[in-house]
């Protein structure tokens, strides 16, 4: 009979940086782990503990993640105001703008502020046919709506074509 080592009391950080302690070690396939705030997860594998892959229970992390802040890659400060699950969170920017996204993009800081390109909205330019045009809706660099001086509107165009002046008025 192989004797198993009792690992009760071992402490480790999980991959999210949360401290966890083995509360009960029955064997390598059956351990109970307690997080630093007292939350217990039962019947996990020792190997998952060892590599830090035991996650804090999601139903508890919802409340913990609300209020978490980060700065996106353009320097906008943002805060989690609603956390339903890791794929469905609401983030509020300092100016009050709110976006729905996922926790991964929040942590990576790659959430685009809804007004990040607001300086491009209403921008006026000239196309190669010497017609005045204006950006009337800016969703992204590859999805803008433009109004020509004769009132014609073209949709789903690129900002690059606007800048180059290569956008054509379909009525000319």
N, C-alpha and C. Protein backbone atom coordinates (compact mmCIF):
# COMPACT_ATOMS: atom_id res chain seq x y z
N UNK A 1 0.84 -1.19 0.00
CA UNK A 1 0.00 0.00 0.00
C UNK A 1 0.88 1.25 0.00
N UNK A 2 0.57 2.19 -0.92
CA UNK A 2 1.34 3.42 -1.04
C UNK A 2 0.83 4.43 -0.02
N UNK A 3 1.74 5.01 0.71
CA UNK A 3 1.38 6.00 1.70
C UNK A 3 1.28 7.36 1.02
N UNK A 4 0.19 8.08 1.28
CA UNK A 4 0.03 9.42 0.68
C UNK A 4 0.51 10.48 1.66
N UNK A 5 1.13 11.48 1.13
CA UNK A 5 1.64 12.59 1.94
C UNK A 5 0.48 13.51 2.29
N UNK A 6 0.35 13.87 3.53
CA UNK A 6 -0.70 14.80 3.94
C UNK A 6 -0.25 16.22 3.64
N UNK A 7 -0.95 16.88 2.75
CA UNK A 7 -0.57 18.22 2.33
C UNK A 7 -1.47 19.30 2.96
N UNK A 8 -2.23 18.92 3.95
CA UNK A 8 -3.09 19.86 4.66
C UNK A 8 -2.26 21.03 5.19
N UNK A 9 -2.75 22.24 4.95
CA UNK A 9 -2.06 23.43 5.44
C UNK A 9 -1.17 24.11 4.41
N UNK A 10 -0.90 23.44 3.29
CA UNK A 10 -0.08 24.08 2.25
C UNK A 10 -0.78 25.35 1.74
N UNK A 11 0.01 26.37 1.48
CA UNK A 11 -0.52 27.66 1.00
C UNK A 11 0.12 27.99 -0.34
N UNK A 12 -0.68 28.54 -1.23
CA UNK A 12 -0.21 28.91 -2.58
C UNK A 12 -1.09 30.02 -3.10
N UNK A 13 -0.56 30.80 -4.05
CA UNK A 13 -1.36 31.80 -4.75
C UNK A 13 -1.89 31.17 -6.03
N UNK A 14 -3.16 31.45 -6.35
CA UNK A 14 -3.67 30.97 -7.63
C UNK A 14 -3.23 31.93 -8.73
N UNK A 15 -3.58 31.63 -9.97
CA UNK A 15 -3.12 32.45 -11.10
C UNK A 15 -3.68 33.88 -11.08
N UNK A 16 -4.72 34.12 -10.28
CA UNK A 16 -5.29 35.46 -10.15
C UNK A 16 -4.66 36.20 -8.96
N UNK A 17 -3.69 35.56 -8.29
CA UNK A 17 -2.99 36.20 -7.18
C UNK A 17 -3.71 36.08 -5.85
N UNK A 18 -4.70 35.21 -5.77
CA UNK A 18 -5.46 35.02 -4.53
C UNK A 18 -4.83 33.89 -3.72
N UNK A 19 -4.69 34.14 -2.41
CA UNK A 19 -4.09 33.14 -1.53
C UNK A 19 -5.09 32.02 -1.24
N UNK A 20 -4.61 30.79 -1.33
CA UNK A 20 -5.46 29.63 -1.04
C UNK A 20 -4.66 28.64 -0.19
N UNK A 21 -5.39 27.91 0.65
CA UNK A 21 -4.77 26.99 1.59
C UNK A 21 -5.52 25.65 1.54
N UNK A 22 -4.77 24.55 1.56
CA UNK A 22 -5.42 23.24 1.58
C UNK A 22 -5.99 23.02 2.98
N UNK A 23 -7.30 22.87 3.01
CA UNK A 23 -8.02 22.68 4.26
C UNK A 23 -8.14 21.20 4.61
N UNK A 24 -8.33 20.38 3.56
CA UNK A 24 -8.50 18.95 3.75
C UNK A 24 -7.86 18.23 2.57
N UNK A 25 -6.91 17.35 2.86
CA UNK A 25 -6.23 16.58 1.82
C UNK A 25 -6.57 15.11 2.01
N UNK A 26 -7.46 14.58 1.15
CA UNK A 26 -7.82 13.17 1.22
C UNK A 26 -6.87 12.35 0.37
N UNK A 27 -6.64 12.82 -0.87
CA UNK A 27 -5.63 12.25 -1.77
C UNK A 27 -5.42 13.27 -2.88
N UNK A 28 -4.55 12.98 -3.84
CA UNK A 28 -4.19 13.94 -4.88
C UNK A 28 -5.37 14.37 -5.76
N UNK A 29 -6.43 13.57 -5.77
CA UNK A 29 -7.60 13.90 -6.59
C UNK A 29 -8.75 14.50 -5.79
N UNK A 30 -8.57 14.63 -4.49
CA UNK A 30 -9.66 15.11 -3.64
C UNK A 30 -9.12 16.00 -2.52
N UNK A 31 -9.11 17.31 -2.77
CA UNK A 31 -8.69 18.26 -1.74
C UNK A 31 -9.76 19.35 -1.63
N UNK A 32 -9.82 19.97 -0.44
CA UNK A 32 -10.67 21.13 -0.22
C UNK A 32 -9.74 22.31 0.02
N UNK A 33 -10.05 23.44 -0.60
CA UNK A 33 -9.19 24.62 -0.53
C UNK A 33 -9.98 25.80 0.05
N UNK A 34 -9.31 26.56 0.91
CA UNK A 34 -9.93 27.75 1.49
C UNK A 34 -9.17 28.99 1.01
N UNK A 35 -9.93 29.99 0.51
CA UNK A 35 -9.33 31.25 0.10
C UNK A 35 -9.19 32.15 1.32
N UNK A 36 -8.38 33.19 1.20
CA UNK A 36 -8.03 34.04 2.33
C UNK A 36 -9.24 34.70 2.99
N UNK A 37 -10.34 34.86 2.25
CA UNK A 37 -11.53 35.48 2.84
C UNK A 37 -12.47 34.44 3.46
N UNK A 38 -12.05 33.15 3.46
CA UNK A 38 -12.83 32.10 4.09
C UNK A 38 -13.66 31.26 3.14
N UNK A 39 -13.80 31.68 1.89
CA UNK A 39 -14.57 30.91 0.92
C UNK A 39 -13.86 29.57 0.67
N UNK A 40 -14.64 28.50 0.65
CA UNK A 40 -14.09 27.15 0.48
C UNK A 40 -14.58 26.54 -0.83
N UNK A 41 -13.66 25.93 -1.56
CA UNK A 41 -14.02 25.14 -2.73
C UNK A 41 -13.64 23.70 -2.42
N UNK A 42 -14.53 22.79 -2.76
CA UNK A 42 -14.34 21.40 -2.36
C UNK A 42 -14.05 20.50 -3.55
N UNK A 43 -13.39 19.41 -3.23
CA UNK A 43 -13.15 18.30 -4.14
C UNK A 43 -12.43 18.72 -5.43
N UNK A 44 -11.28 19.33 -5.27
CA UNK A 44 -10.43 19.69 -6.39
C UNK A 44 -9.21 18.79 -6.41
N UNK A 45 -8.40 18.94 -7.46
CA UNK A 45 -7.19 18.12 -7.60
C UNK A 45 -5.97 18.88 -7.08
N UNK A 46 -5.06 18.14 -6.45
CA UNK A 46 -3.84 18.75 -5.92
C UNK A 46 -3.02 19.40 -7.03
N UNK A 47 -2.96 18.76 -8.19
CA UNK A 47 -2.18 19.32 -9.31
C UNK A 47 -2.72 20.70 -9.71
N UNK A 48 -4.05 20.88 -9.70
CA UNK A 48 -4.63 22.19 -10.01
C UNK A 48 -4.22 23.22 -8.96
N UNK A 49 -4.15 22.79 -7.70
CA UNK A 49 -3.67 23.66 -6.63
C UNK A 49 -2.21 24.05 -6.86
N UNK A 50 -1.42 23.03 -7.19
CA UNK A 50 0.03 23.23 -7.37
C UNK A 50 0.33 24.23 -8.50
N UNK A 51 -0.43 24.16 -9.60
CA UNK A 51 -0.17 25.07 -10.73
C UNK A 51 -0.98 26.37 -10.64
N UNK A 52 -1.79 26.49 -9.59
CA UNK A 52 -2.52 27.74 -9.35
C UNK A 52 -3.78 27.91 -10.17
N UNK A 53 -4.32 26.83 -10.70
CA UNK A 53 -5.47 26.97 -11.59
C UNK A 53 -6.83 26.84 -10.90
N UNK A 54 -6.84 26.73 -9.58
CA UNK A 54 -8.12 26.71 -8.88
C UNK A 54 -8.62 28.15 -8.79
N UNK A 55 -9.81 28.37 -9.35
CA UNK A 55 -10.36 29.72 -9.41
C UNK A 55 -11.26 29.99 -8.21
N UNK A 56 -11.29 31.24 -7.84
CA UNK A 56 -12.23 31.69 -6.82
C UNK A 56 -13.63 31.49 -7.39
N UNK A 57 -14.58 31.01 -6.61
CA UNK A 57 -15.92 30.73 -7.16
C UNK A 57 -16.54 31.97 -7.81
N UNK A 58 -17.02 31.82 -9.04
CA UNK A 58 -17.53 32.94 -9.83
C UNK A 58 -18.65 33.69 -9.14
N UNK A 59 -19.56 32.96 -8.47
CA UNK A 59 -20.68 33.65 -7.83
C UNK A 59 -20.19 34.60 -6.75
N UNK A 60 -19.06 34.34 -6.16
CA UNK A 60 -18.50 35.23 -5.17
C UNK A 60 -17.70 36.35 -5.81
N UNK A 61 -17.04 36.06 -6.95
CA UNK A 61 -16.17 37.06 -7.57
C UNK A 61 -16.96 38.19 -8.20
N UNK A 62 -18.25 37.98 -8.46
CA UNK A 62 -19.07 39.03 -9.06
C UNK A 62 -19.01 40.29 -8.21
N UNK A 63 -19.29 40.15 -6.94
CA UNK A 63 -19.28 41.31 -6.06
C UNK A 63 -17.90 41.88 -5.86
N UNK A 64 -16.90 41.03 -5.85
CA UNK A 64 -15.53 41.48 -5.63
C UNK A 64 -15.04 42.34 -6.81
N UNK A 65 -15.41 41.99 -8.01
CA UNK A 65 -14.92 42.69 -9.19
C UNK A 65 -15.62 44.02 -9.44
N UNK A 66 -16.79 44.21 -8.88
CA UNK A 66 -17.47 45.50 -9.02
C UNK A 66 -16.63 46.54 -8.29
N UNK A 67 -16.35 47.63 -8.98
CA UNK A 67 -15.51 48.69 -8.42
C UNK A 67 -14.05 48.59 -8.83
N UNK A 68 -13.67 47.46 -9.43
CA UNK A 68 -12.29 47.30 -9.89
C UNK A 68 -12.00 48.33 -10.98
N UNK A 69 -10.83 48.95 -10.95
CA UNK A 69 -10.48 49.98 -11.92
C UNK A 69 -9.27 49.56 -12.76
N UNK A 70 -9.16 50.19 -13.91
CA UNK A 70 -8.03 49.96 -14.80
C UNK A 70 -7.95 51.18 -15.72
N UNK A 71 -6.88 51.26 -16.48
CA UNK A 71 -6.72 52.32 -17.48
C UNK A 71 -6.53 51.65 -18.82
N UNK A 72 -7.32 52.08 -19.82
CA UNK A 72 -7.20 51.42 -21.13
C UNK A 72 -5.95 51.90 -21.85
N UNK A 73 -5.67 51.30 -22.99
CA UNK A 73 -4.43 51.59 -23.72
C UNK A 73 -4.38 52.98 -24.33
N UNK A 74 -5.45 53.76 -24.21
CA UNK A 74 -5.45 55.16 -24.66
C UNK A 74 -5.44 56.13 -23.49
N UNK A 75 -5.32 55.59 -22.26
CA UNK A 75 -5.20 56.44 -21.08
C UNK A 75 -6.51 56.79 -20.40
N UNK A 76 -7.62 56.19 -20.81
CA UNK A 76 -8.91 56.46 -20.18
C UNK A 76 -9.08 55.58 -18.95
N UNK A 77 -9.42 56.19 -17.80
CA UNK A 77 -9.66 55.43 -16.59
C UNK A 77 -11.06 54.82 -16.66
N UNK A 78 -11.18 53.56 -16.24
CA UNK A 78 -12.45 52.85 -16.32
C UNK A 78 -12.66 52.02 -15.06
N UNK A 79 -13.95 51.74 -14.75
CA UNK A 79 -14.29 51.02 -13.52
C UNK A 79 -15.44 50.06 -13.82
N UNK A 80 -15.38 48.84 -13.26
CA UNK A 80 -16.46 47.87 -13.42
C UNK A 80 -17.63 48.30 -12.53
N UNK A 81 -18.80 48.49 -13.16
CA UNK A 81 -19.98 48.87 -12.38
C UNK A 81 -21.00 47.72 -12.29
N UNK A 82 -20.87 46.74 -13.17
CA UNK A 82 -21.76 45.57 -13.13
C UNK A 82 -20.98 44.36 -13.62
N UNK A 83 -21.08 43.27 -12.89
CA UNK A 83 -20.38 42.03 -13.24
C UNK A 83 -21.39 40.89 -13.15
N UNK A 84 -21.86 40.45 -14.33
CA UNK A 84 -22.81 39.34 -14.36
C UNK A 84 -22.07 38.01 -14.48
N UNK A 85 -21.05 37.98 -15.33
CA UNK A 85 -20.11 36.87 -15.44
C UNK A 85 -18.92 37.39 -16.23
N UNK A 86 -17.90 36.57 -16.43
CA UNK A 86 -16.66 37.06 -17.05
C UNK A 86 -16.85 37.53 -18.49
N UNK A 87 -17.93 37.10 -19.13
CA UNK A 87 -18.18 37.50 -20.52
C UNK A 87 -19.20 38.63 -20.63
N UNK A 88 -19.69 39.13 -19.50
CA UNK A 88 -20.76 40.13 -19.51
C UNK A 88 -20.59 41.11 -18.36
N UNK A 89 -19.83 42.17 -18.61
CA UNK A 89 -19.62 43.20 -17.59
C UNK A 89 -19.92 44.57 -18.18
N UNK A 90 -20.26 45.52 -17.30
CA UNK A 90 -20.44 46.91 -17.71
C UNK A 90 -19.30 47.71 -17.10
N UNK A 91 -18.69 48.53 -17.94
CA UNK A 91 -17.55 49.35 -17.54
C UNK A 91 -17.92 50.81 -17.74
N UNK A 92 -17.62 51.63 -16.73
CA UNK A 92 -17.92 53.06 -16.80
C UNK A 92 -16.61 53.84 -16.85
N UNK A 93 -16.53 54.76 -17.81
CA UNK A 93 -15.38 55.64 -17.92
C UNK A 93 -15.59 56.87 -17.04
N UNK A 94 -14.53 57.62 -16.76
CA UNK A 94 -14.61 58.78 -15.88
C UNK A 94 -15.64 59.81 -16.33
N UNK A 95 -15.83 59.92 -17.64
CA UNK A 95 -16.79 60.91 -18.14
C UNK A 95 -18.23 60.42 -18.10
N UNK A 96 -18.45 59.20 -17.57
CA UNK A 96 -19.79 58.66 -17.45
C UNK A 96 -20.20 57.71 -18.56
N UNK A 97 -19.42 57.60 -19.62
CA UNK A 97 -19.73 56.68 -20.71
C UNK A 97 -19.66 55.25 -20.20
N UNK A 98 -20.62 54.41 -20.63
CA UNK A 98 -20.68 53.02 -20.19
C UNK A 98 -20.62 52.12 -21.41
N UNK A 99 -19.83 51.05 -21.32
CA UNK A 99 -19.77 50.04 -22.38
C UNK A 99 -19.94 48.66 -21.77
N UNK A 100 -20.52 47.76 -22.54
CA UNK A 100 -20.65 46.36 -22.14
C UNK A 100 -19.52 45.60 -22.83
N UNK A 101 -18.81 44.79 -22.06
CA UNK A 101 -17.65 44.08 -22.60
C UNK A 101 -17.43 42.80 -21.80
N UNK A 102 -16.21 42.27 -21.86
CA UNK A 102 -15.87 41.09 -21.05
C UNK A 102 -14.70 41.42 -20.14
N UNK A 103 -14.51 40.58 -19.12
CA UNK A 103 -13.49 40.85 -18.12
C UNK A 103 -12.08 40.80 -18.70
N UNK A 104 -11.83 39.92 -19.65
CA UNK A 104 -10.50 39.79 -20.26
C UNK A 104 -10.08 41.10 -20.92
N UNK A 105 -10.96 41.70 -21.73
CA UNK A 105 -10.59 42.94 -22.42
C UNK A 105 -10.43 44.09 -21.41
N UNK A 106 -11.20 44.04 -20.33
CA UNK A 106 -11.03 45.03 -19.27
C UNK A 106 -9.64 44.92 -18.65
N UNK A 107 -9.23 43.70 -18.27
CA UNK A 107 -7.92 43.50 -17.65
C UNK A 107 -6.78 43.85 -18.59
N UNK A 108 -6.93 43.54 -19.88
CA UNK A 108 -5.89 43.85 -20.87
C UNK A 108 -5.86 45.35 -21.20
N UNK A 109 -6.93 46.07 -20.87
CA UNK A 109 -6.97 47.51 -21.15
C UNK A 109 -7.24 47.84 -22.60
N UNK A 110 -7.90 46.95 -23.31
CA UNK A 110 -8.13 47.17 -24.74
C UNK A 110 -9.58 47.55 -25.06
N UNK A 111 -10.28 48.08 -24.08
CA UNK A 111 -11.65 48.55 -24.31
C UNK A 111 -11.58 49.95 -24.91
N UNK A 112 -12.25 50.11 -26.04
CA UNK A 112 -12.27 51.42 -26.70
C UNK A 112 -13.33 52.30 -26.05
N UNK A 113 -12.92 53.49 -25.66
CA UNK A 113 -13.86 54.47 -25.12
C UNK A 113 -14.83 54.85 -26.24
N UNK A 114 -16.13 54.92 -25.96
CA UNK A 114 -17.08 55.21 -27.03
C UNK A 114 -16.86 56.56 -27.72
N UNK A 115 -16.23 57.48 -27.02
CA UNK A 115 -15.97 58.80 -27.61
C UNK A 115 -14.51 58.99 -27.97
N UNK A 116 -13.77 57.90 -28.04
CA UNK A 116 -12.33 57.98 -28.32
C UNK A 116 -12.06 58.72 -29.61
N UNK A 117 -12.92 58.56 -30.58
CA UNK A 117 -12.72 59.21 -31.87
C UNK A 117 -13.69 60.36 -32.09
N UNK A 118 -14.24 60.92 -31.00
CA UNK A 118 -15.24 61.97 -31.16
C UNK A 118 -14.68 63.18 -31.89
N UNK A 119 -13.37 63.37 -31.88
CA UNK A 119 -12.76 64.47 -32.62
C UNK A 119 -12.90 64.30 -34.13
N UNK A 120 -13.21 63.11 -34.56
CA UNK A 120 -13.38 62.85 -35.99
C UNK A 120 -14.83 63.07 -36.43
N UNK A 121 -15.76 63.02 -35.48
CA UNK A 121 -17.16 63.26 -35.80
C UNK A 121 -17.33 64.71 -36.25
N UNK A 122 -18.07 64.91 -37.32
CA UNK A 122 -18.33 66.23 -37.94
C UNK A 122 -17.13 66.79 -38.68
N UNK A 123 -16.06 66.01 -38.79
CA UNK A 123 -14.88 66.47 -39.53
C UNK A 123 -15.27 66.70 -41.00
N UNK A 124 -14.75 67.76 -41.56
CA UNK A 124 -15.06 68.12 -42.95
C UNK A 124 -13.82 67.91 -43.81
N UNK A 125 -14.03 67.39 -44.99
CA UNK A 125 -12.94 67.17 -45.93
C UNK A 125 -13.42 67.37 -47.35
N UNK A 126 -12.51 67.20 -48.29
CA UNK A 126 -12.83 67.32 -49.71
C UNK A 126 -12.42 66.01 -50.39
N UNK A 127 -13.27 65.55 -51.30
CA UNK A 127 -12.90 64.35 -52.04
C UNK A 127 -12.14 64.75 -53.30
N UNK A 128 -11.68 63.77 -54.05
CA UNK A 128 -10.88 64.03 -55.25
C UNK A 128 -11.67 64.72 -56.36
N UNK A 129 -12.99 64.72 -56.26
CA UNK A 129 -13.83 65.43 -57.23
C UNK A 129 -14.17 66.84 -56.75
N UNK A 130 -13.45 67.28 -55.72
CA UNK A 130 -13.58 68.62 -55.16
C UNK A 130 -14.95 68.87 -54.54
N UNK A 131 -15.50 67.83 -53.94
CA UNK A 131 -16.78 67.96 -53.24
C UNK A 131 -16.54 67.95 -51.74
N UNK A 132 -17.27 68.82 -51.06
CA UNK A 132 -17.17 68.89 -49.61
C UNK A 132 -17.93 67.70 -49.02
N UNK A 133 -17.34 67.09 -47.99
CA UNK A 133 -17.98 65.97 -47.32
C UNK A 133 -17.73 66.09 -45.81
N UNK A 134 -18.65 65.50 -45.03
CA UNK A 134 -18.59 65.61 -43.57
C UNK A 134 -18.93 64.26 -42.94
N UNK A 135 -18.15 63.89 -41.91
CA UNK A 135 -18.44 62.65 -41.17
C UNK A 135 -19.62 62.93 -40.25
N UNK A 136 -20.70 62.17 -40.44
CA UNK A 136 -21.90 62.38 -39.62
C UNK A 136 -22.09 61.26 -38.59
N UNK A 137 -21.38 60.15 -38.75
CA UNK A 137 -21.44 59.06 -37.78
C UNK A 137 -20.10 58.33 -37.81
N UNK A 138 -19.49 58.19 -36.66
CA UNK A 138 -18.19 57.52 -36.57
C UNK A 138 -18.31 56.37 -35.59
N UNK A 139 -18.40 55.14 -36.12
CA UNK A 139 -18.48 53.95 -35.26
C UNK A 139 -17.11 53.35 -35.03
N UNK A 140 -16.29 53.35 -36.09
CA UNK A 140 -14.92 52.85 -36.00
C UNK A 140 -14.19 53.34 -37.24
N UNK A 141 -12.89 53.10 -37.31
CA UNK A 141 -12.10 53.54 -38.46
C UNK A 141 -12.53 52.87 -39.75
N UNK A 142 -13.23 51.76 -39.64
CA UNK A 142 -13.69 51.06 -40.84
C UNK A 142 -15.21 51.13 -41.00
N UNK A 143 -15.84 52.02 -40.25
CA UNK A 143 -17.30 52.14 -40.33
C UNK A 143 -17.74 53.57 -40.01
N UNK A 144 -17.71 54.42 -41.04
CA UNK A 144 -18.17 55.80 -40.86
C UNK A 144 -19.27 56.08 -41.89
N UNK A 145 -20.11 57.06 -41.55
CA UNK A 145 -21.12 57.55 -42.48
C UNK A 145 -20.74 58.98 -42.84
N UNK A 146 -20.86 59.30 -44.14
CA UNK A 146 -20.42 60.60 -44.65
C UNK A 146 -21.56 61.26 -45.43
N UNK A 147 -21.69 62.57 -45.23
CA UNK A 147 -22.68 63.35 -45.96
C UNK A 147 -21.95 64.30 -46.89
N UNK A 148 -22.35 64.27 -48.17
CA UNK A 148 -21.76 65.18 -49.16
C UNK A 148 -22.53 66.49 -49.17
N UNK A 149 -21.93 67.52 -49.77
CA UNK A 149 -22.54 68.85 -49.77
C UNK A 149 -23.91 68.88 -50.44
N UNK A 150 -24.19 67.94 -51.35
CA UNK A 150 -25.52 67.90 -52.00
C UNK A 150 -26.54 67.13 -51.16
N UNK A 151 -26.15 66.67 -49.96
CA UNK A 151 -27.07 65.97 -49.08
C UNK A 151 -27.00 64.45 -49.18
N UNK A 152 -26.26 63.93 -50.14
CA UNK A 152 -26.12 62.49 -50.31
C UNK A 152 -25.35 61.90 -49.13
N UNK A 153 -25.85 60.79 -48.62
CA UNK A 153 -25.20 60.12 -47.50
C UNK A 153 -24.72 58.74 -47.95
N UNK A 154 -23.47 58.44 -47.63
CA UNK A 154 -22.92 57.11 -47.87
C UNK A 154 -22.58 56.51 -46.51
N UNK A 155 -22.82 55.20 -46.38
CA UNK A 155 -22.65 54.54 -45.08
C UNK A 155 -21.59 53.45 -45.15
N UNK A 156 -21.09 53.11 -43.98
CA UNK A 156 -20.13 52.00 -43.81
C UNK A 156 -18.87 52.18 -44.66
N UNK A 157 -18.30 53.35 -44.63
CA UNK A 157 -17.07 53.66 -45.36
C UNK A 157 -15.90 53.69 -44.38
N UNK A 158 -14.69 53.79 -44.91
CA UNK A 158 -13.50 53.81 -44.04
C UNK A 158 -12.99 55.24 -43.86
N UNK A 159 -12.44 55.47 -42.67
CA UNK A 159 -11.86 56.77 -42.37
C UNK A 159 -10.66 57.04 -43.27
N UNK A 160 -9.90 56.00 -43.60
CA UNK A 160 -8.73 56.15 -44.47
C UNK A 160 -9.15 56.71 -45.84
N UNK A 161 -10.24 56.19 -46.39
CA UNK A 161 -10.72 56.71 -47.69
C UNK A 161 -11.20 58.15 -47.57
N UNK A 162 -11.78 58.49 -46.44
CA UNK A 162 -12.20 59.88 -46.20
C UNK A 162 -10.98 60.80 -46.22
N UNK A 163 -9.95 60.44 -45.51
CA UNK A 163 -8.72 61.24 -45.42
C UNK A 163 -8.04 61.36 -46.78
N UNK A 164 -8.00 60.27 -47.54
CA UNK A 164 -7.37 60.28 -48.86
C UNK A 164 -8.19 61.07 -49.88
N UNK A 165 -9.47 61.28 -49.56
CA UNK A 165 -10.35 61.96 -50.51
C UNK A 165 -10.86 61.05 -51.61
N UNK A 166 -10.67 59.75 -51.43
CA UNK A 166 -11.06 58.81 -52.48
C UNK A 166 -12.51 58.36 -52.37
N UNK A 167 -13.25 58.92 -51.45
CA UNK A 167 -14.65 58.58 -51.29
C UNK A 167 -15.46 59.28 -52.37
N UNK A 168 -16.28 58.51 -53.08
CA UNK A 168 -17.04 59.08 -54.18
C UNK A 168 -18.50 59.27 -53.81
N UNK A 169 -19.07 60.32 -54.35
CA UNK A 169 -20.49 60.59 -54.20
C UNK A 169 -21.20 59.75 -55.28
N UNK A 170 -22.09 58.82 -54.87
CA UNK A 170 -22.75 57.97 -55.86
C UNK A 170 -23.67 58.74 -56.81
N UNK A 171 -24.01 59.96 -56.47
CA UNK A 171 -24.91 60.77 -57.33
C UNK A 171 -24.13 61.67 -58.28
N UNK A 172 -22.82 61.52 -58.35
CA UNK A 172 -22.04 62.39 -59.25
C UNK A 172 -21.43 61.57 -60.37
